């Protein structure tokens, strides 16, 4: 390509290359999502439509970028962990951050109607992103543990707060004052004694957030294995999760995960082209139970 006299301006550009042999975490966070959720009438304290959409957008990112080994999401944020030996985009910070963020954000808008049906998107949502490096496996585990602990703390507060407002008749200001200075045990007691709610029985997706992993599963109709992104709502703070999913830190081939046929999540079904499966199994009672 011929050069022009204006090409010198490229010398003003700069690139930041991330340190080698470090785990790369790209964390995406919704901008002003309190306002966004209020404008679109999200259910309180948790809206399964919003969480499902976040998980769908994140799964699209994992399908595109195979160097992402695990992702963790809660509320309006998602963290994507790239293998520490990745050479994706030559480890250029701006490329990794902007491409992952833009794919997530566009997927959120693209799949909006699949989850919110007749709720019109009133204005485009936006997400900020940052890149953080973690040099050791323990640093990475502690980071993910921090995000999951944050999920539990926030969800317990929000569950109690909205119980006081929606069921207890308090204003938002009164509910804030009631919860000011309370401990987790206090919030559990309020839920149990005043609203007959055992927080331990709340859905795990609300208390633990969502973990996305690649796993091999047996195709529910065809006799072969498929590699898919699966959602888990489990405790990742304890050692058991990392023992069961040792391929993450060891950077090895994906492990195998077994679903009961009727328990296959919709997020996984969408990767199995379940419309084609339906044609092959119209009379299969288990399959009909999955769809229903």
C-alpha atoms as a PDB file:
ATOM      1  CA  UNK A   1       0.000   0.000   0.000  1.00  0.00           C
ATOM      2  CA  UNK A   2       1.349   3.407  -0.975  1.00  0.00           C
ATOM      3  CA  UNK A   3       2.385   5.660   1.869  1.00  0.00           C
ATOM      4  CA  UNK A   4       1.179   9.212   2.281  1.00  0.00           C
ATOM      5  CA  UNK A   5       2.716  12.180   4.013  1.00  0.00           C
ATOM      6  CA  UNK A   6       0.033  11.891   6.685  1.00  0.00           C
ATOM      7  CA  UNK A   7       1.019   8.438   7.863  1.00  0.00           C
ATOM      8  CA  UNK A   8       3.358   9.867  10.479  1.00  0.00           C
ATOM      9  CA  UNK A   9       0.341  10.288  12.777  1.00  0.00           C
ATOM     10  CA  UNK A  10       0.495   6.533  13.468  1.00  0.00           C
ATOM     11  CA  UNK A  11       3.531   7.208  15.619  1.00  0.00           C
ATOM     12  CA  UNK A  12       1.219   8.765  18.217  1.00  0.00           C
ATOM     13  CA  UNK A  13      -0.544   5.434  18.772  1.00  0.00           C
ATOM     14  CA  UNK A  14       0.556   3.236  21.644  1.00  0.00           C
ATOM     15  CA  UNK A  15      -0.045  -0.387  22.631  1.00  0.00           C
ATOM     16  CA  UNK A  16       0.061  -2.001  26.047  1.00  0.00           C
ATOM     17  CA  UNK A  17       1.101  -5.636  26.000  1.00  0.00           C
ATOM     18  CA  UNK A  18       0.068  -7.628  29.037  1.00  0.00           C
ATOM     19  CA  UNK A  19       2.676  -9.451  31.096  1.00  0.00           C
ATOM     20  CA  UNK A  20       3.265 -13.080  30.129  1.00  0.00           C
ATOM     21  CA  UNK A  21       2.375 -16.056  32.323  1.00  0.00           C
ATOM     22  CA  UNK A  22      -0.420 -14.223  34.142  1.00  0.00           C
ATOM     23  CA  UNK A  23      -4.108 -14.963  34.243  1.00  0.00           C
ATOM     24  CA  UNK A  24      -6.001 -12.260  32.344  1.00  0.00           C
ATOM     25  CA  UNK A  25      -9.390 -11.213  33.690  1.00  0.00           C
ATOM     26  CA  UNK A  26     -11.653  -8.966  31.643  1.00  0.00           C
ATOM     27  CA  UNK A  27     -14.470  -7.714  33.858  1.00  0.00           C
ATOM     28  CA  UNK A  28     -17.527  -6.096  32.310  1.00  0.00           C
ATOM     29  CA  UNK A  29     -19.862  -3.986  34.429  1.00  0.00           C
ATOM     30  CA  UNK A  30     -23.147  -2.315  33.540  1.00  0.00           C
ATOM     31  CA  UNK A  31     -23.156   1.482  33.492  1.00  0.00           C
ATOM     32  CA  UNK A  32     -25.960   3.064  35.540  1.00  0.00           C
ATOM     33  CA  UNK A  33     -27.866  -0.209  35.606  1.00  0.00           C
ATOM     34  CA  UNK A  34     -29.924   0.908  38.583  1.00  0.00           C
ATOM     35  CA  UNK A  35     -31.508   3.458  36.278  1.00  0.00           C
ATOM     36  CA  UNK A  36     -31.648   0.987  33.383  1.00  0.00           C
ATOM     37  CA  UNK A  37     -33.379  -1.709  35.455  1.00  0.00           C
ATOM     38  CA  UNK A  38     -35.905   0.791  36.818  1.00  0.00           C
ATOM     39  CA  UNK A  39     -36.679   2.131  33.346  1.00  0.00           C
ATOM     40  CA  UNK A  40     -37.321  -1.404  32.069  1.00  0.00           C
ATOM     41  CA  UNK A  41     -39.274  -2.576  35.125  1.00  0.00           C
ATOM     42  CA  UNK A  42     -36.929  -5.330  36.256  1.00  0.00           C
ATOM     43  CA  UNK A  43     -38.443  -7.556  38.927  1.00  0.00           C
ATOM     44  CA  UNK A  44     -37.068  -7.011  42.428  1.00  0.00           C
ATOM     45  CA  UNK A  45     -34.929  -8.237  44.082  1.00  0.00           C
ATOM     46  CA  UNK A  46     -33.943 -10.502  41.154  1.00  0.00           C
ATOM     47  CA  UNK A  47     -35.210 -10.696  37.601  1.00  0.00           C
ATOM     48  CA  UNK A  48     -34.621 -14.113  36.000  1.00  0.00           C
ATOM     49  CA  UNK A  49     -35.047 -12.545  32.560  1.00  0.00           C
ATOM     50  CA  UNK A  50     -32.181 -10.135  33.152  1.00  0.00           C
ATOM     51  CA  UNK A  51     -29.913 -12.823  34.578  1.00  0.00           C
ATOM     52  CA  UNK A  52     -30.754 -15.164  31.704  1.00  0.00           C
ATOM     53  CA  UNK A  53     -29.893 -12.449  29.195  1.00  0.00           C
ATOM     54  CA  UNK A  54     -26.572 -11.722  30.920  1.00  0.00           C
ATOM     55  CA  UNK A  55     -25.715 -15.422  30.830  1.00  0.00           C
ATOM     56  CA  UNK A  56     -26.678 -15.697  27.161  1.00  0.00           C
ATOM     57  CA  UNK A  57     -24.511 -12.730  26.183  1.00  0.00           C
ATOM     58  CA  UNK A  58     -21.594 -14.152  28.176  1.00  0.00           C
ATOM     59  CA  UNK A  59     -21.998 -17.581  26.573  1.00  0.00           C
ATOM     60  CA  UNK A  60     -21.696 -15.982  23.133  1.00  0.00           C
ATOM     61  CA  UNK A  61     -18.361 -14.526  24.238  1.00  0.00           C
ATOM     62  CA  UNK A  62     -17.137 -17.967  25.359  1.00  0.00           C
ATOM     63  CA  UNK A  63     -18.262 -19.534  22.097  1.00  0.00           C
ATOM     64  CA  UNK A  64     -16.229 -16.961  20.178  1.00  0.00           C
ATOM     65  CA  UNK A  65     -13.084 -16.881  22.328  1.00  0.00           C
ATOM     66  CA  UNK A  66     -11.827 -20.370  23.107  1.00  0.00           C
ATOM     67  CA  UNK A  67      -9.006 -19.042  25.298  1.00  0.00           C
ATOM     68  CA  UNK A  68     -11.558 -18.039  27.945  1.00  0.00           C
ATOM     69  CA  UNK A  69     -11.539 -20.953  30.398  1.00  0.00           C
ATOM     70  CA  UNK A  70     -14.136 -19.773  32.916  1.00  0.00           C
ATOM     71  CA  UNK A  71     -16.513 -16.853  33.333  1.00  0.00           C
ATOM     72  CA  UNK A  72     -18.396 -15.715  36.400  1.00  0.00           C
ATOM     73  CA  UNK A  73     -21.413 -13.423  36.448  1.00  0.00           C
ATOM     74  CA  UNK A  74     -23.771 -11.824  38.934  1.00  0.00           C
ATOM     75  CA  UNK A  75     -26.198  -8.935  38.728  1.00  0.00           C
ATOM     76  CA  UNK A  76     -24.946  -6.648  35.920  1.00  0.00           C
ATOM     77  CA  UNK A  77     -21.333  -7.809  35.787  1.00  0.00           C
ATOM     78  CA  UNK A  78     -19.337 -10.618  34.189  1.00  0.00           C
ATOM     79  CA  UNK A  79     -15.702 -11.665  34.566  1.00  0.00           C
ATOM     80  CA  UNK A  80     -13.950 -13.556  31.775  1.00  0.00           C
ATOM     81  CA  UNK A  81     -10.751 -15.448  32.595  1.00  0.00           C
ATOM     82  CA  UNK A  82      -8.308 -16.054  29.752  1.00  0.00           C
ATOM     83  CA  UNK A  83      -5.692 -18.763  30.048  1.00  0.00           C
ATOM     84  CA  UNK A  84      -2.419 -17.421  31.343  1.00  0.00           C
ATOM     85  CA  UNK A  85      -0.495 -18.574  28.258  1.00  0.00           C
ATOM     86  CA  UNK A  86      -2.902 -17.031  25.758  1.00  0.00           C
ATOM     87  CA  UNK A  87      -1.480 -15.228  22.753  1.00  0.00           C
ATOM     88  CA  UNK A  88      -4.841 -13.899  21.669  1.00  0.00           C
ATOM     89  CA  UNK A  89      -4.275 -10.559  19.915  1.00  0.00           C
ATOM     90  CA  UNK A  90      -0.659 -10.839  21.082  1.00  0.00           C
ATOM     91  CA  UNK A  91      -1.919 -10.042  24.591  1.00  0.00           C
ATOM     92  CA  UNK A  92      -2.698  -6.458  23.611  1.00  0.00           C
ATOM     93  CA  UNK A  93      -4.777  -5.001  26.424  1.00  0.00           C
ATOM     94  CA  UNK A  94      -6.966  -2.689  24.356  1.00  0.00           C
ATOM     95  CA  UNK A  95      -7.827  -5.379  21.820  1.00  0.00           C
ATOM     96  CA  UNK A  96      -8.825  -7.920  24.455  1.00  0.00           C
ATOM     97  CA  UNK A  97     -10.832  -5.418  26.457  1.00  0.00           C
ATOM     98  CA  UNK A  98     -12.699  -3.790  23.574  1.00  0.00           C
ATOM     99  CA  UNK A  99     -13.463  -6.905  21.530  1.00  0.00           C
ATOM    100  CA  UNK A 100     -14.845  -8.855  24.478  1.00  0.00           C
ATOM    101  CA  UNK A 101     -16.842  -5.880  25.738  1.00  0.00           C
ATOM    102  CA  UNK A 102     -18.285  -5.055  22.323  1.00  0.00           C
ATOM    103  CA  UNK A 103     -19.335  -8.658  21.634  1.00  0.00           C
ATOM    104  CA  UNK A 104     -20.967  -8.929  25.069  1.00  0.00           C
ATOM    105  CA  UNK A 105     -22.774  -5.597  24.717  1.00  0.00           C
ATOM    106  CA  UNK A 106     -24.042  -6.274  21.195  1.00  0.00           C
ATOM    107  CA  UNK A 107     -25.193  -9.774  22.206  1.00  0.00           C
ATOM    108  CA  UNK A 108     -27.095  -8.287  25.160  1.00  0.00           C
ATOM    109  CA  UNK A 109     -29.042  -6.073  22.760  1.00  0.00           C
ATOM    110  CA  UNK A 110     -29.380  -8.758  20.065  1.00  0.00           C
ATOM    111  CA  UNK A 111     -30.962 -11.314  22.400  1.00  0.00           C
ATOM    112  CA  UNK A 112     -33.028  -8.820  24.410  1.00  0.00           C
ATOM    113  CA  UNK A 113     -36.371  -9.856  22.894  1.00  0.00           C
ATOM    114  CA  UNK A 114     -35.682 -13.537  23.533  1.00  0.00           C
ATOM    115  CA  UNK A 115     -35.799 -12.839  27.257  1.00  0.00           C
ATOM    116  CA  UNK A 116     -37.923  -9.712  27.653  1.00  0.00           C
ATOM    117  CA  UNK A 117     -40.476 -10.577  24.965  1.00  0.00           C
ATOM    118  CA  UNK A 118     -42.819  -7.582  24.626  1.00  0.00           C
ATOM    119  CA  UNK A 119     -40.741  -5.211  26.775  1.00  0.00           C
ATOM    120  CA  UNK A 120     -39.321  -2.667  24.361  1.00  0.00           C
ATOM    121  CA  UNK A 121     -35.691  -1.680  24.787  1.00  0.00           C
ATOM    122  CA  UNK A 122     -36.052   2.008  25.545  1.00  0.00           C
ATOM    123  CA  UNK A 123     -32.408   2.960  25.095  1.00  0.00           C
ATOM    124  CA  UNK A 124     -29.120   1.128  24.490  1.00  0.00           C
ATOM    125  CA  UNK A 125     -27.407  -0.282  27.583  1.00  0.00           C
ATOM    126  CA  UNK A 126     -23.697   0.270  28.013  1.00  0.00           C
ATOM    127  CA  UNK A 127     -20.957  -1.571  29.868  1.00  0.00           C
ATOM    128  CA  UNK A 128     -17.526  -0.542  31.021  1.00  0.00           C
ATOM    129  CA  UNK A 129     -14.635  -2.987  31.078  1.00  0.00           C
ATOM    130  CA  UNK A 130     -11.247  -3.377  32.682  1.00  0.00           C
ATOM    131  CA  UNK A 131      -8.352  -5.803  32.493  1.00  0.00           C
ATOM    132  CA  UNK A 132      -6.617  -7.138  35.593  1.00  0.00           C
ATOM    133  CA  UNK A 133      -3.688  -9.551  35.750  1.00  0.00           C
ATOM    134  CA  UNK A 134      -3.310 -12.237  38.415  1.00  0.00           C
ATOM    135  CA  UNK A 135       0.110 -13.900  38.601  1.00  0.00           C
ATOM    136  CA  UNK A 136      -0.786 -17.012  40.641  1.00  0.00           C
ATOM    137  CA  UNK A 137      -3.553 -19.595  40.673  1.00  0.00           C
ATOM    138  CA  UNK A 138      -4.403 -18.604  44.249  1.00  0.00           C
ATOM    139  CA  UNK A 139      -4.717 -14.952  43.216  1.00  0.00           C
ATOM    140  CA  UNK A 140      -7.208 -15.982  40.544  1.00  0.00           C
ATOM    141  CA  UNK A 141      -9.191 -18.151  42.937  1.00  0.00           C
ATOM    142  CA  UNK A 142      -9.277 -15.330  45.480  1.00  0.00           C
ATOM    143  CA  UNK A 143     -10.528 -12.921  42.822  1.00  0.00           C
ATOM    144  CA  UNK A 144     -13.410 -15.202  41.839  1.00  0.00           C
ATOM    145  CA  UNK A 145     -14.139 -15.919  45.515  1.00  0.00           C
ATOM    146  CA  UNK A 146     -14.334 -12.165  46.119  1.00  0.00           C
ATOM    147  CA  UNK A 147     -16.885 -11.740  43.340  1.00  0.00           C
ATOM    148  CA  UNK A 148     -19.007 -14.641  44.607  1.00  0.00           C
ATOM    149  CA  UNK A 149     -18.850 -13.384  48.195  1.00  0.00           C
ATOM    150  CA  UNK A 150     -19.952  -9.996  46.863  1.00  0.00           C
ATOM    151  CA  UNK A 151     -22.889 -11.718  45.144  1.00  0.00           C
ATOM    152  CA  UNK A 152     -24.027 -13.298  48.414  1.00  0.00           C
ATOM    153  CA  UNK A 153     -23.673 -10.081  50.431  1.00  0.00           C
ATOM    154  CA  UNK A 154     -25.542  -7.965  47.875  1.00  0.00           C
ATOM    155  CA  UNK A 155     -28.276 -10.534  47.306  1.00  0.00           C
ATOM    156  CA  UNK A 156     -28.967 -10.991  51.007  1.00  0.00           C
ATOM    157  CA  UNK A 157     -29.235  -7.227  51.417  1.00  0.00           C
ATOM    158  CA  UNK A 158     -31.446  -6.778  48.347  1.00  0.00           C
ATOM    159  CA  UNK A 159     -33.693  -9.706  49.278  1.00  0.00           C
ATOM    160  CA  UNK A 160     -34.267  -8.232  52.719  1.00  0.00           C
ATOM    161  CA  UNK A 161     -34.563  -4.664  51.451  1.00  0.00           C
ATOM    162  CA  UNK A 162     -37.229  -5.470  48.869  1.00  0.00           C
ATOM    163  CA  UNK A 163     -39.118  -7.694  51.308  1.00  0.00           C
ATOM    164  CA  UNK A 164     -39.380  -4.699  53.630  1.00  0.00           C
ATOM    165  CA  UNK A 165     -40.558  -2.484  50.755  1.00  0.00           C
ATOM    166  CA  UNK A 166     -42.807  -4.806  48.730  1.00  0.00           C
ATOM    167  CA  UNK A 167     -44.192  -6.934  51.572  1.00  0.00           C
ATOM    168  CA  UNK A 168     -43.595  -4.811  54.653  1.00  0.00           C
ATOM    169  CA  UNK A 169     -44.914  -1.538  53.277  1.00  0.00           C
ATOM    170  CA  UNK A 170     -41.804   0.509  54.096  1.00  0.00           C
ATOM    171  CA  UNK A 171     -40.525   3.253  51.839  1.00  0.00           C
ATOM    172  CA  UNK A 172     -37.101   2.766  50.305  1.00  0.00           C
ATOM    173  CA  UNK A 173     -35.662   5.316  52.729  1.00  0.00           C
ATOM    174  CA  UNK A 174     -37.228   3.545  55.707  1.00  0.00           C
ATOM    175  CA  UNK A 175     -35.922   0.185  54.521  1.00  0.00           C
ATOM    176  CA  UNK A 176     -32.410   1.625  54.184  1.00  0.00           C
ATOM    177  CA  UNK A 177     -32.579   2.990  57.717  1.00  0.00           C
ATOM    178  CA  UNK A 178     -33.897  -0.334  59.046  1.00  0.00           C
ATOM    179  CA  UNK A 179     -30.983  -2.253  57.511  1.00  0.00           C
ATOM    180  CA  UNK A 180     -28.280   0.274  58.368  1.00  0.00           C
ATOM    181  CA  UNK A 181     -25.641  -1.412  60.529  1.00  0.00           C
ATOM    182  CA  UNK A 182     -27.272  -4.863  60.419  1.00  0.00           C
ATOM    183  CA  UNK A 183     -25.277  -8.087  60.126  1.00  0.00           C
ATOM    184  CA  UNK A 184     -26.060 -11.081  57.922  1.00  0.00           C
ATOM    185  CA  UNK A 185     -27.665 -12.820  60.892  1.00  0.00           C
ATOM    186  CA  UNK A 186     -29.938  -9.815  61.423  1.00  0.00           C
ATOM    187  CA  UNK A 187     -31.110  -9.875  57.805  1.00  0.00           C
ATOM    188  CA  UNK A 188     -31.741 -13.617  57.946  1.00  0.00           C
ATOM    189  CA  UNK A 189     -33.806 -13.089  61.096  1.00  0.00           C
ATOM    190  CA  UNK A 190     -35.871 -10.327  59.502  1.00  0.00           C
ATOM    191  CA  UNK A 191     -36.644 -12.522  56.496  1.00  0.00           C
ATOM    192  CA  UNK A 192     -37.543 -15.539  58.603  1.00  0.00           C
ATOM    193  CA  UNK A 193     -39.536 -13.906  61.408  1.00  0.00           C
ATOM    194  CA  UNK A 194     -41.291 -11.162  59.486  1.00  0.00           C
ATOM    195  CA  UNK A 195     -41.728 -12.683  56.037  1.00  0.00           C
ATOM    196  CA  UNK A 196     -41.555 -16.441  56.651  1.00  0.00           C
ATOM    197  CA  UNK A 197     -38.614 -16.670  54.229  1.00  0.00           C
ATOM    198  CA  UNK A 198     -35.675 -19.003  54.758  1.00  0.00           C
ATOM    199  CA  UNK A 199     -32.830 -17.421  52.828  1.00  0.00           C
ATOM    200  CA  UNK A 200     -31.142 -20.809  52.516  1.00  0.00           C
ATOM    201  CA  UNK A 201     -33.996 -21.881  50.256  1.00  0.00           C
ATOM    202  CA  UNK A 202     -33.479 -19.047  47.775  1.00  0.00           C
ATOM    203  CA  UNK A 203     -32.421 -20.179  44.255  1.00  0.00           C
ATOM    204  CA  UNK A 204     -28.685 -20.761  43.938  1.00  0.00           C
ATOM    205  CA  UNK A 205     -28.449 -18.548  40.853  1.00  0.00           C
ATOM    206  CA  UNK A 206     -29.351 -15.591  43.090  1.00  0.00           C
ATOM    207  CA  UNK A 207     -27.071 -16.541  45.986  1.00  0.00           C
ATOM    208  CA  UNK A 208     -24.080 -17.907  44.038  1.00  0.00           C
ATOM    209  CA  UNK A 209     -24.258 -16.216  40.652  1.00  0.00           C
ATOM    210  CA  UNK A 210     -23.450 -18.096  37.445  1.00  0.00           C
ATOM    211  CA  UNK A 211     -20.294 -19.928  36.449  1.00  0.00           C
ATOM    212  CA  UNK A 212     -19.814 -20.630  32.743  1.00  0.00           C
ATOM    213  CA  UNK A 213     -17.540 -23.492  31.707  1.00  0.00           C
ATOM    214  CA  UNK A 214     -16.887 -25.517  28.587  1.00  0.00           C
ATOM    215  CA  UNK A 215     -17.729 -29.154  29.061  1.00  0.00           C
ATOM    216  CA  UNK A 216     -18.316 -32.199  26.937  1.00  0.00           C
ATOM    217  CA  UNK A 217     -21.812 -33.589  27.252  1.00  0.00           C
ATOM    218  CA  UNK A 218     -23.570 -36.485  25.618  1.00  0.00           C
ATOM    219  CA  UNK A 219     -25.931 -35.284  22.910  1.00  0.00           C
ATOM    220  CA  UNK A 220     -29.462 -36.005  24.205  1.00  0.00           C
ATOM    221  CA  UNK A 221     -30.531 -37.570  20.890  1.00  0.00           C
ATOM    222  CA  UNK A 222     -27.478 -38.375  18.824  1.00  0.00           C
ATOM    223  CA  UNK A 223     -24.990 -40.886  20.167  1.00  0.00           C
ATOM    224  CA  UNK A 224     -21.987 -38.597  20.364  1.00  0.00           C
ATOM    225  CA  UNK A 225     -20.399 -36.009  22.610  1.00  0.00           C
ATOM    226  CA  UNK A 226     -20.667 -32.286  22.098  1.00  0.00           C
ATOM    227  CA  UNK A 227     -18.577 -29.441  23.480  1.00  0.00           C
ATOM    228  CA  UNK A 228     -20.855 -26.773  24.977  1.00  0.00           C
ATOM    229  CA  UNK A 229     -20.828 -23.870  27.407  1.00  0.00           C
ATOM    230  CA  UNK A 230     -22.713 -24.876  30.554  1.00  0.00           C
ATOM    231  CA  UNK A 231     -24.052 -22.688  33.391  1.00  0.00           C
ATOM    232  CA  UNK A 232     -23.402 -23.748  36.981  1.00  0.00           C
ATOM    233  CA  UNK A 233     -24.659 -22.170  40.193  1.00  0.00           C
ATOM    234  CA  UNK A 234     -22.232 -23.627  42.689  1.00  0.00           C
ATOM    235  CA  UNK A 235     -19.844 -22.594  45.435  1.00  0.00           C
ATOM    236  CA  UNK A 236     -16.495 -21.851  43.816  1.00  0.00           C
ATOM    237  CA  UNK A 237     -14.850 -20.641  47.015  1.00  0.00           C
ATOM    238  CA  UNK A 238     -14.286 -24.124  48.426  1.00  0.00           C
ATOM    239  CA  UNK A 239     -11.672 -26.550  47.094  1.00  0.00           C
ATOM    240  CA  UNK A 240     -14.279 -29.039  45.879  1.00  0.00           C
ATOM    241  CA  UNK A 241     -15.184 -26.949  42.820  1.00  0.00           C
ATOM    242  CA  UNK A 242     -11.565 -26.680  41.699  1.00  0.00           C
ATOM    243  CA  UNK A 243     -10.930 -30.374  42.286  1.00  0.00           C
ATOM    244  CA  UNK A 244     -13.949 -31.324  40.184  1.00  0.00           C
ATOM    245  CA  UNK A 245     -12.948 -28.872  37.460  1.00  0.00           C
ATOM    246  CA  UNK A 246      -9.174 -29.225  37.620  1.00  0.00           C
ATOM    247  CA  UNK A 247      -8.820 -28.598  33.876  1.00  0.00           C
ATOM    248  CA  UNK A 248      -9.267 -24.855  34.501  1.00  0.00           C
ATOM    249  CA  UNK A 249      -6.074 -24.194  36.430  1.00  0.00           C
ATOM    250  CA  UNK A 250      -4.196 -27.048  34.742  1.00  0.00           C
ATOM    251  CA  UNK A 251      -5.206 -25.683  31.310  1.00  0.00           C
ATOM    252  CA  UNK A 252      -6.135 -29.119  30.017  1.00  0.00           C
ATOM    253  CA  UNK A 253      -8.842 -30.484  27.766  1.00  0.00           C
ATOM    254  CA  UNK A 254     -12.414 -29.896  28.908  1.00  0.00           C
ATOM    255  CA  UNK A 255     -13.932 -32.413  31.271  1.00  0.00           C
ATOM    256  CA  UNK A 256     -17.201 -34.319  30.847  1.00  0.00           C
ATOM    257  CA  UNK A 257     -20.447 -33.204  32.470  1.00  0.00           C
ATOM    258  CA  UNK A 258     -23.580 -35.288  32.740  1.00  0.00           C
ATOM    259  CA  UNK A 259     -27.075 -33.840  32.741  1.00  0.00           C
ATOM    260  CA  UNK A 260     -30.288 -35.683  33.344  1.00  0.00           C
ATOM    261  CA  UNK A 261     -32.209 -35.378  30.107  1.00  0.00           C
ATOM    262  CA  UNK A 262     -34.990 -33.288  31.627  1.00  0.00           C
ATOM    263  CA  UNK A 263     -32.494 -31.023  33.428  1.00  0.00           C
ATOM    264  CA  UNK A 264     -30.585 -29.728  30.397  1.00  0.00           C
ATOM    265  CA  UNK A 265     -30.582 -25.896  30.700  1.00  0.00           C
ATOM    266  CA  UNK A 266     -32.070 -23.839  27.903  1.00  0.00           C
ATOM    267  CA  UNK A 267     -28.675 -22.191  27.461  1.00  0.00           C
ATOM    268  CA  UNK A 268     -27.217 -25.598  26.565  1.00  0.00           C
ATOM    269  CA  UNK A 269     -30.181 -26.646  24.423  1.00  0.00           C
ATOM    270  CA  UNK A 270     -29.699 -23.555  22.294  1.00  0.00           C
ATOM    271  CA  UNK A 271     -26.195 -24.768  21.447  1.00  0.00           C
ATOM    272  CA  UNK A 272     -27.485 -28.203  20.439  1.00  0.00           C
ATOM    273  CA  UNK A 273     -29.798 -26.860  17.748  1.00  0.00           C
ATOM    274  CA  UNK A 274     -32.791 -28.293  19.572  1.00  0.00           C
ATOM    275  CA  UNK A 275     -35.159 -27.532  16.697  1.00  0.00           C
ATOM    276  CA  UNK A 276     -33.385 -30.240  14.741  1.00  0.00           C
ATOM    277  CA  UNK A 277     -33.502 -32.510  17.774  1.00  0.00           C
ATOM    278  CA  UNK A 278     -37.262 -32.001  17.941  1.00  0.00           C
ATOM    279  CA  UNK A 279     -37.650 -33.286  14.387  1.00  0.00           C
ATOM    280  CA  UNK A 280     -35.795 -36.448  15.368  1.00  0.00           C
ATOM    281  CA  UNK A 281     -37.642 -37.013  18.638  1.00  0.00           C
ATOM    282  CA  UNK A 282     -41.227 -35.841  18.314  1.00  0.00           C
ATOM    283  CA  UNK A 283     -42.475 -38.783  20.319  1.00  0.00           C
ATOM    284  CA  UNK A 284     -39.840 -38.691  23.026  1.00  0.00           C
ATOM    285  CA  UNK A 285     -41.618 -37.911  26.318  1.00  0.00           C
ATOM    286  CA  UNK A 286     -38.428 -36.757  28.049  1.00  0.00           C
ATOM    287  CA  UNK A 287     -37.731 -34.308  25.243  1.00  0.00           C
ATOM    288  CA  UNK A 288     -41.248 -32.898  25.448  1.00  0.00           C
ATOM    289  CA  UNK A 289     -40.727 -32.442  29.187  1.00  0.00           C
ATOM    290  CA  UNK A 290     -37.551 -30.425  28.460  1.00  0.00           C
ATOM    291  CA  UNK A 291     -39.421 -28.099  26.123  1.00  0.00           C
ATOM    292  CA  UNK A 292     -42.259 -27.625  28.573  1.00  0.00           C
END
